[in-house]
């Protein structure tokens, strides 16, 4: 499955399954099973329940996907002084 063939859709992780698989609810309401891409595993990116992710879905099997990236959460910084570096 080449990355060029995948269509990218956004979703939310709804369940953590065994073996590094996740249940993801897509923006259209469909629930699919997805696994982490090699780059996310290589750099030890943690994906937890409720995370917003970008999933690559194959046109040949739309029930399975590949989590390509985890989207950053909104910053909770409220100001009030210099940021610590």
PDB file of N, CA and C in Angstrom:
ATOM      1  N   UNK A   1       0.856  -1.168   0.000  1.00  0.00           N
ATOM      2  CA  UNK A   1       0.000   0.000   0.000  1.00  0.00           C
ATOM      3  C   UNK A   1       0.902   1.231   0.000  1.00  0.00           C
ATOM      4  N   UNK A   2       1.012   1.869  -1.129  1.00  0.00           N
ATOM      5  CA  UNK A   2       1.829   3.070  -1.251  1.00  0.00           C
ATOM      6  C   UNK A   2       1.069   4.274  -0.702  1.00  0.00           C
ATOM      7  N   UNK A   3       1.800   5.225  -0.167  1.00  0.00           N
ATOM      8  CA  UNK A   3       1.149   6.406   0.401  1.00  0.00           C
ATOM      9  C   UNK A   3       0.482   7.261  -0.659  1.00  0.00           C
ATOM     10  N   UNK A   4       0.928   7.158  -1.893  1.00  0.00           N
ATOM     11  CA  UNK A   4       0.331   7.966  -2.956  1.00  0.00           C
ATOM     12  C   UNK A   4      -1.098   7.536  -3.249  1.00  0.00           C
ATOM     13  N   UNK A   5      -1.429   6.277  -2.989  1.00  0.00           N
ATOM     14  CA  UNK A   5      -2.758   5.754  -3.278  1.00  0.00           C
ATOM     15  C   UNK A   5      -3.779   6.093  -2.198  1.00  0.00           C
ATOM     16  N   UNK A   6      -3.329   6.544  -1.035  1.00  0.00           N
ATOM     17  CA  UNK A   6      -4.224   6.753   0.096  1.00  0.00           C
ATOM     18  C   UNK A   6      -4.957   8.084  -0.009  1.00  0.00           C
ATOM     19  N   UNK A   7      -6.236   8.063   0.358  1.00  0.00           N
ATOM     20  CA  UNK A   7      -6.972   9.320   0.490  1.00  0.00           C
ATOM     21  C   UNK A   7      -6.944   9.702   1.970  1.00  0.00           C
ATOM     22  N   UNK A   8      -6.609  10.945   2.265  1.00  0.00           N
ATOM     23  CA  UNK A   8      -6.448  11.386   3.642  1.00  0.00           C
ATOM     24  C   UNK A   8      -7.744  11.974   4.172  1.00  0.00           C
ATOM     25  N   UNK A   9      -8.157  11.491   5.349  1.00  0.00           N
ATOM     26  CA  UNK A   9      -9.355  11.988   6.025  1.00  0.00           C
ATOM     27  C   UNK A   9      -9.016  12.207   7.499  1.00  0.00           C
ATOM     28  N   UNK A  10      -9.760  13.093   8.144  1.00  0.00           N
ATOM     29  CA  UNK A  10      -9.558  13.364   9.562  1.00  0.00           C
ATOM     30  C   UNK A  10     -10.525  12.536  10.383  1.00  0.00           C
ATOM     31  N   UNK A  11     -10.112  12.208  11.601  1.00  0.00           N
ATOM     32  CA  UNK A  11     -10.959  11.425  12.482  1.00  0.00           C
ATOM     33  C   UNK A  11     -10.525  11.572  13.923  1.00  0.00           C
ATOM     34  N   UNK A  12     -11.257  10.884  14.815  1.00  0.00           N
ATOM     35  CA  UNK A  12     -10.985  10.905  16.246  1.00  0.00           C
ATOM     36  C   UNK A  12     -10.840   9.466  16.718  1.00  0.00           C
ATOM     37  N   UNK A  13      -9.815   9.204  17.534  1.00  0.00           N
ATOM     38  CA  UNK A  13      -9.598   7.865  18.072  1.00  0.00           C
ATOM     39  C   UNK A  13     -10.685   7.581  19.103  1.00  0.00           C
ATOM     40  N   UNK A  14     -11.454   6.503  18.883  1.00  0.00           N
ATOM     41  CA  UNK A  14     -12.546   6.163  19.791  1.00  0.00           C
ATOM     42  C   UNK A  14     -12.239   4.965  20.664  1.00  0.00           C
ATOM     43  N   UNK A  15     -11.256   4.138  20.269  1.00  0.00           N
ATOM     44  CA  UNK A  15     -10.927   2.953  21.050  1.00  0.00           C
ATOM     45  C   UNK A  15      -9.500   2.533  20.730  1.00  0.00           C
ATOM     46  N   UNK A  16      -8.797   2.047  21.747  1.00  0.00           N
ATOM     47  CA  UNK A  16      -7.448   1.517  21.558  1.00  0.00           C
ATOM     48  C   UNK A  16      -7.559   0.005  21.574  1.00  0.00           C
ATOM     49  N   UNK A  17      -7.153  -0.637  20.477  1.00  0.00           N
ATOM     50  CA  UNK A  17      -7.259  -2.079  20.337  1.00  0.00           C
ATOM     51  C   UNK A  17      -5.890  -2.725  20.542  1.00  0.00           C
ATOM     52  N   UNK A  18      -5.867  -4.038  20.618  1.00  0.00           N
ATOM     53  CA  UNK A  18      -4.623  -4.777  20.823  1.00  0.00           C
ATOM     54  C   UNK A  18      -3.752  -4.726  19.575  1.00  0.00           C
ATOM     55  N   UNK A  19      -2.459  -4.886  19.774  1.00  0.00           N
ATOM     56  CA  UNK A  19      -1.532  -4.976  18.657  1.00  0.00           C
ATOM     57  C   UNK A  19      -1.241  -3.662  17.967  1.00  0.00           C
ATOM     58  N   UNK A  20      -1.432  -2.546  18.643  1.00  0.00           N
ATOM     59  CA  UNK A  20      -1.140  -1.250  18.030  1.00  0.00           C
ATOM     60  C   UNK A  20      -2.197  -0.780  17.058  1.00  0.00           C
ATOM     61  N   UNK A  21      -3.384  -1.333  17.130  1.00  0.00           N
ATOM     62  CA  UNK A  21      -4.491  -0.910  16.274  1.00  0.00           C
ATOM     63  C   UNK A  21      -5.408   0.029  17.043  1.00  0.00           C
ATOM     64  N   UNK A  22      -6.111   0.858  16.295  1.00  0.00           N
ATOM     65  CA  UNK A  22      -7.013   1.836  16.890  1.00  0.00           C
ATOM     66  C   UNK A  22      -8.327   1.827  16.133  1.00  0.00           C
ATOM     67  N   UNK A  23      -9.396   2.132  16.829  1.00  0.00           N
ATOM     68  CA  UNK A  23     -10.692   2.340  16.201  1.00  0.00           C
ATOM     69  C   UNK A  23     -10.857   3.844  16.039  1.00  0.00           C
ATOM     70  N   UNK A  24     -11.107   4.289  14.802  1.00  0.00           N
ATOM     71  CA  UNK A  24     -11.158   5.720  14.498  1.00  0.00           C
ATOM     72  C   UNK A  24     -12.505   6.055  13.870  1.00  0.00           C
ATOM     73  N   UNK A  25     -13.168   7.095  14.409  1.00  0.00           N
ATOM     74  CA  UNK A  25     -14.412   7.587  13.818  1.00  0.00           C
ATOM     75  C   UNK A  25     -14.057   8.735  12.887  1.00  0.00           C
ATOM     76  N   UNK A  26     -14.380   8.554  11.609  1.00  0.00           N
ATOM     77  CA  UNK A  26     -14.065   9.560  10.599  1.00  0.00           C
ATOM     78  C   UNK A  26     -15.071  10.697  10.643  1.00  0.00           C
ATOM     79  N   UNK A  27     -14.767  11.780   9.955  1.00  0.00           N
ATOM     80  CA  UNK A  27     -15.638  12.954   9.940  1.00  0.00           C
ATOM     81  C   UNK A  27     -17.000  12.631   9.336  1.00  0.00           C
ATOM     82  N   UNK A  28     -17.066  11.640   8.442  1.00  0.00           N
ATOM     83  CA  UNK A  28     -18.332  11.260   7.816  1.00  0.00           C
ATOM     84  C   UNK A  28     -19.170  10.354   8.714  1.00  0.00           C
ATOM     85  N   UNK A  29     -18.633   9.947   9.876  1.00  0.00           N
ATOM     86  CA  UNK A  29     -19.368   9.103  10.799  1.00  0.00           C
ATOM     87  C   UNK A  29     -19.006   7.631  10.711  1.00  0.00           C
ATOM     88  N   UNK A  30     -18.237   7.241   9.725  1.00  0.00           N
ATOM     89  CA  UNK A  30     -17.834   5.853   9.546  1.00  0.00           C
ATOM     90  C   UNK A  30     -16.750   5.498  10.565  1.00  0.00           C
ATOM     91  N   UNK A  31     -16.792   4.273  11.106  1.00  0.00           N
ATOM     92  CA  UNK A  31     -15.784   3.807  12.048  1.00  0.00           C
ATOM     93  C   UNK A  31     -14.906   2.784  11.341  1.00  0.00           C
ATOM     94  N   UNK A  32     -13.576   3.011  11.380  1.00  0.00           N
ATOM     95  CA  UNK A  32     -12.641   2.095  10.735  1.00  0.00           C
ATOM     96  C   UNK A  32     -11.567   1.674  11.732  1.00  0.00           C
ATOM     97  N   UNK A  33     -10.841   0.616  11.382  1.00  0.00           N
ATOM     98  CA  UNK A  33      -9.692   0.169  12.154  1.00  0.00           C
ATOM     99  C   UNK A  33      -8.440   0.726  11.495  1.00  0.00           C
ATOM    100  N   UNK A  34      -7.554   1.312  12.296  1.00  0.00           N
ATOM    101  CA  UNK A  34      -6.337   1.913  11.741  1.00  0.00           C
ATOM    102  C   UNK A  34      -5.142   1.527  12.596  1.00  0.00           C
ATOM    103  N   UNK A  35      -3.980   1.474  11.951  1.00  0.00           N
ATOM    104  CA  UNK A  35      -2.743   1.213  12.679  1.00  0.00           C
ATOM    105  C   UNK A  35      -1.788   2.379  12.469  1.00  0.00           C
ATOM    106  N   UNK A  36      -0.762   2.458  13.313  1.00  0.00           N
ATOM    107  CA  UNK A  36       0.206   3.546  13.223  1.00  0.00           C
ATOM    108  C   UNK A  36       1.116   3.359  12.022  1.00  0.00           C
ATOM    109  N   UNK A  37       1.485   4.449  11.394  1.00  0.00           N
ATOM    110  CA  UNK A  37       2.446   4.385  10.298  1.00  0.00           C
ATOM    111  C   UNK A  37       3.843   4.151  10.877  1.00  0.00           C
ATOM    112  N   UNK A  38       4.760   3.761  10.027  1.00  0.00           N
ATOM    113  CA  UNK A  38       6.118   3.470  10.464  1.00  0.00           C
ATOM    114  C   UNK A  38       6.830   4.673  11.044  1.00  0.00           C
ATOM    115  N   UNK A  39       6.570   5.854  10.495  1.00  0.00           N
ATOM    116  CA  UNK A  39       7.214   7.068  10.995  1.00  0.00           C
ATOM    117  C   UNK A  39       6.753   7.382  12.417  1.00  0.00           C
ATOM    118  N   UNK A  40       5.456   7.180  12.708  1.00  0.00           N
ATOM    119  CA  UNK A  40       4.956   7.425  14.061  1.00  0.00           C
ATOM    120  C   UNK A  40       5.545   6.415  15.044  1.00  0.00           C
ATOM    121  N   UNK A  41       5.684   5.157  14.613  1.00  0.00           N
ATOM    122  CA  UNK A  41       6.306   4.151  15.479  1.00  0.00           C
ATOM    123  C   UNK A  41       7.788   4.445  15.684  1.00  0.00           C
ATOM    124  N   UNK A  42       8.465   4.880  14.641  1.00  0.00           N
ATOM    125  CA  UNK A  42       9.904   5.150  14.709  1.00  0.00           C
ATOM    126  C   UNK A  42      10.224   6.247  15.717  1.00  0.00           C
ATOM    127  N   UNK A  43       9.433   7.310  15.726  1.00  0.00           N
ATOM    128  CA  UNK A  43       9.681   8.438  16.614  1.00  0.00           C
ATOM    129  C   UNK A  43       8.869   8.369  17.908  1.00  0.00           C
ATOM    130  N   UNK A  44       8.265   7.206  18.200  1.00  0.00           N
ATOM    131  CA  UNK A  44       7.543   6.955  19.452  1.00  0.00           C
ATOM    132  C   UNK A  44       6.460   7.999  19.723  1.00  0.00           C
ATOM    133  N   UNK A  45       5.686   8.338  18.697  1.00  0.00           N
ATOM    134  CA  UNK A  45       4.575   9.274  18.856  1.00  0.00           C
ATOM    135  C   UNK A  45       3.423   8.526  19.517  1.00  0.00           C
ATOM    136  N   UNK A  46       2.947   9.026  20.638  1.00  0.00           N
ATOM    137  CA  UNK A  46       1.864   8.379  21.378  1.00  0.00           C
ATOM    138  C   UNK A  46       0.524   8.867  20.851  1.00  0.00           C
ATOM    139  N   UNK A  47      -0.365   7.930  20.610  1.00  0.00           N
ATOM    140  CA  UNK A  47      -1.733   8.249  20.217  1.00  0.00           C
ATOM    141  C   UNK A  47      -2.630   7.661  21.293  1.00  0.00           C
ATOM    142  N   UNK A  48      -3.482   8.500  21.876  1.00  0.00           N
ATOM    143  CA  UNK A  48      -4.351   8.042  22.951  1.00  0.00           C
ATOM    144  C   UNK A  48      -5.806   8.296  22.586  1.00  0.00           C
ATOM    145  N   UNK A  49      -6.677   7.797  23.410  1.00  0.00           N
ATOM    146  CA  UNK A  49      -8.114   7.926  23.214  1.00  0.00           C
ATOM    147  C   UNK A  49      -8.510   9.397  23.139  1.00  0.00           C
ATOM    148  N   UNK A  50      -9.257   9.781  22.115  1.00  0.00           N
ATOM    149  CA  UNK A  50      -9.722  11.150  21.953  1.00  0.00           C
ATOM    150  C   UNK A  50      -8.842  12.022  21.083  1.00  0.00           C
ATOM    151  N   UNK A  51      -7.686  11.527  20.655  1.00  0.00           N
ATOM    152  CA  UNK A  51      -6.796  12.319  19.797  1.00  0.00           C
ATOM    153  C   UNK A  51      -7.397  12.499  18.410  1.00  0.00           C
ATOM    154  N   UNK A  52      -7.180  13.675  17.832  1.00  0.00           N
ATOM    155  CA  UNK A  52      -7.556  13.925  16.437  1.00  0.00           C
ATOM    156  C   UNK A  52      -6.393  13.486  15.568  1.00  0.00           C
ATOM    157  N   UNK A  53      -6.676  12.667  14.557  1.00  0.00           N
ATOM    158  CA  UNK A  53      -5.633  12.098  13.714  1.00  0.00           C
ATOM    159  C   UNK A  53      -6.009  12.248  12.247  1.00  0.00           C
ATOM    160  N   UNK A  54      -4.985  12.184  11.386  1.00  0.00           N
ATOM    161  CA  UNK A  54      -5.185  12.121   9.947  1.00  0.00           C
ATOM    162  C   UNK A  54      -4.948  10.680   9.533  1.00  0.00           C
ATOM    163  N   UNK A  55      -5.933  10.093   8.858  1.00  0.00           N
ATOM    164  CA  UNK A  55      -5.883   8.682   8.487  1.00  0.00           C
ATOM    165  C   UNK A  55      -5.829   8.566   6.971  1.00  0.00           C
ATOM    166  N   UNK A  56      -4.939   7.717   6.491  1.00  0.00           N
ATOM    167  CA  UNK A  56      -4.889   7.395   5.073  1.00  0.00           C
ATOM    168  C   UNK A  56      -5.717   6.152   4.829  1.00  0.00           C
ATOM    169  N   UNK A  57      -6.710   6.248   3.954  1.00  0.00           N
ATOM    170  CA  UNK A  57      -7.609   5.127   3.677  1.00  0.00           C
ATOM    171  C   UNK A  57      -7.385   4.666   2.247  1.00  0.00           C
ATOM    172  N   UNK A  58      -7.206   3.365   2.087  1.00  0.00           N
ATOM    173  CA  UNK A  58      -6.985   2.789   0.769  1.00  0.00           C
ATOM    174  C   UNK A  58      -8.299   2.718  -0.004  1.00  0.00           C
ATOM    175  N   UNK A  59      -8.280   2.999  -1.295  1.00  0.00           N
ATOM    176  CA  UNK A  59      -9.510   2.869  -2.084  1.00  0.00           C
ATOM    177  C   UNK A  59      -9.921   1.411  -2.281  1.00  0.00           C
ATOM    178  N   UNK A  60      -9.006   0.477  -2.054  1.00  0.00           N
ATOM    179  CA  UNK A  60      -9.295  -0.937  -2.249  1.00  0.00           C
ATOM    180  C   UNK A  60      -9.953  -1.575  -1.037  1.00  0.00           C
ATOM    181  N   UNK A  61      -9.679  -1.057   0.168  1.00  0.00           N
ATOM    182  CA  UNK A  61     -10.287  -1.576   1.392  1.00  0.00           C
ATOM    183  C   UNK A  61     -10.588  -0.407   2.324  1.00  0.00           C
ATOM    184  N   UNK A  62     -11.763   0.190   2.207  1.00  0.00           N
ATOM    185  CA  UNK A  62     -12.071   1.389   3.006  1.00  0.00           C
ATOM    186  C   UNK A  62     -12.377   1.117   4.478  1.00  0.00           C
ATOM    187  N   UNK A  63     -12.277  -0.136   4.945  1.00  0.00           N
ATOM    188  CA  UNK A  63     -12.535  -0.428   6.355  1.00  0.00           C
ATOM    189  C   UNK A  63     -11.266  -0.391   7.191  1.00  0.00           C
ATOM    190  N   UNK A  64     -10.100  -0.291   6.544  1.00  0.00           N
ATOM    191  CA  UNK A  64      -8.823  -0.237   7.244  1.00  0.00           C
ATOM    192  C   UNK A  64      -8.071   1.019   6.831  1.00  0.00           C
ATOM    193  N   UNK A  65      -7.281   1.537   7.768  1.00  0.00           N
ATOM    194  CA  UNK A  65      -6.530   2.745   7.462  1.00  0.00           C
ATOM    195  C   UNK A  65      -5.176   2.761   8.133  1.00  0.00           C
ATOM    196  N   UNK A  66      -4.432   3.805   7.858  1.00  0.00           N
ATOM    197  CA  UNK A  66      -3.093   4.003   8.383  1.00  0.00           C
ATOM    198  C   UNK A  66      -3.045   5.403   8.993  1.00  0.00           C
ATOM    199  N   UNK A  67      -2.738   5.491  10.286  1.00  0.00           N
ATOM    200  CA  UNK A  67      -2.669   6.794  10.951  1.00  0.00           C
ATOM    201  C   UNK A  67      -1.380   7.472  10.511  1.00  0.00           C
ATOM    202  N   UNK A  68      -1.517   8.557   9.761  1.00  0.00           N
ATOM    203  CA  UNK A  68      -0.365   9.249   9.195  1.00  0.00           C
ATOM    204  C   UNK A  68       0.194  10.312  10.120  1.00  0.00           C
ATOM    205  N   UNK A  69      -0.672  10.990  10.874  1.00  0.00           N
ATOM    206  CA  UNK A  69      -0.186  12.000  11.815  1.00  0.00           C
ATOM    207  C   UNK A  69      -1.220  12.255  12.889  1.00  0.00           C
ATOM    208  N   UNK A  70      -0.714  12.687  14.044  1.00  0.00           N
ATOM    209  CA  UNK A  70      -1.574  13.117  15.140  1.00  0.00           C
ATOM    210  C   UNK A  70      -1.577  14.627  15.115  1.00  0.00           C
ATOM    211  N   UNK A  71      -2.761  15.219  15.155  1.00  0.00           N
ATOM    212  CA  UNK A  71      -2.853  16.673  15.077  1.00  0.00           C
ATOM    213  C   UNK A  71      -2.635  17.272  16.454  1.00  0.00           C
ATOM    214  N   UNK A  72      -1.937  18.394  16.474  1.00  0.00           N
ATOM    215  CA  UNK A  72      -1.598  19.042  17.735  1.00  0.00           C
ATOM    216  C   UNK A  72      -2.845  19.595  18.410  1.00  0.00           C
ATOM    217  N   UNK A  73      -2.859  19.495  19.736  1.00  0.00           N
ATOM    218  CA  UNK A  73      -3.958  20.048  20.519  1.00  0.00           C
ATOM    219  C   UNK A  73      -3.791  21.556  20.612  1.00  0.00           C
ATOM    220  N   UNK A  74      -4.871  22.252  20.909  1.00  0.00           N
ATOM    221  CA  UNK A  74      -4.805  23.695  21.067  1.00  0.00           C
ATOM    222  C   UNK A  74      -3.960  24.022  22.289  1.00  0.00           C
ATOM    223  N   UNK A  75      -3.212  25.099  22.220  1.00  0.00           N
ATOM    224  CA  UNK A  75      -2.353  25.503  23.318  1.00  0.00           C
ATOM    225  C   UNK A  75      -3.197  25.997  24.487  1.00  0.00           C
ATOM    226  N   UNK A  76      -2.788  25.631  25.695  1.00  0.00           N
ATOM    227  CA  UNK A  76      -3.496  26.080  26.894  1.00  0.00           C
ATOM    228  C   UNK A  76      -2.761  27.230  27.570  1.00  0.00           C
ATOM    229  N   UNK A  77      -1.760  27.810  26.904  1.00  0.00           N
ATOM    230  CA  UNK A  77      -0.981  28.908  27.472  1.00  0.00           C
ATOM    231  C   UNK A  77      -1.858  30.146  27.589  1.00  0.00           C
ATOM    232  N   UNK A  78      -1.937  30.722  28.796  1.00  0.00           N
ATOM    233  CA  UNK A  78      -2.804  31.861  29.059  1.00  0.00           C
ATOM    234  C   UNK A  78      -2.050  33.182  29.132  1.00  0.00           C
ATOM    235  N   UNK A  79      -0.764  33.166  28.973  1.00  0.00           N
ATOM    236  CA  UNK A  79       0.008  34.398  29.116  1.00  0.00           C
ATOM    237  C   UNK A  79       0.379  34.623  30.568  1.00  0.00           C
ATOM    238  N   UNK A  80       0.727  35.854  30.904  1.00  0.00           N
ATOM    239  CA  UNK A  80       1.018  36.158  32.300  1.00  0.00           C
ATOM    240  C   UNK A  80       2.481  36.009  32.665  1.00  0.00           C
ATOM    241  N   UNK A  81       3.364  36.336  31.785  1.00  0.00           N
ATOM    242  CA  UNK A  81       4.780  36.271  32.117  1.00  0.00           C
ATOM    243  C   UNK A  81       5.566  35.638  30.990  1.00  0.00           C
ATOM    244  N   UNK A  82       6.873  35.657  31.138  1.00  0.00           N
ATOM    245  CA  UNK A  82       7.696  35.074  30.070  1.00  0.00           C
ATOM    246  C   UNK A  82       7.536  33.560  30.032  1.00  0.00           C
ATOM    247  N   UNK A  83       7.605  33.019  28.834  1.00  0.00           N
ATOM    248  CA  UNK A  83       7.520  31.572  28.685  1.00  0.00           C
ATOM    249  C   UNK A  83       8.850  30.954  29.069  1.00  0.00           C
ATOM    250  N   UNK A  84       8.781  29.867  29.714  1.00  0.00           N
ATOM    251  CA  UNK A  84       9.986  29.158  30.127  1.00  0.00           C
ATOM    252  C   UNK A  84      10.544  28.386  28.949  1.00  0.00           C
ATOM    253  N   UNK A  85      11.841  28.461  28.752  1.00  0.00           N
ATOM    254  CA  UNK A  85      12.455  27.758  27.619  1.00  0.00           C
ATOM    255  C   UNK A  85      13.226  26.579  28.057  1.00  0.00           C
TER     256      UNK A  85
END
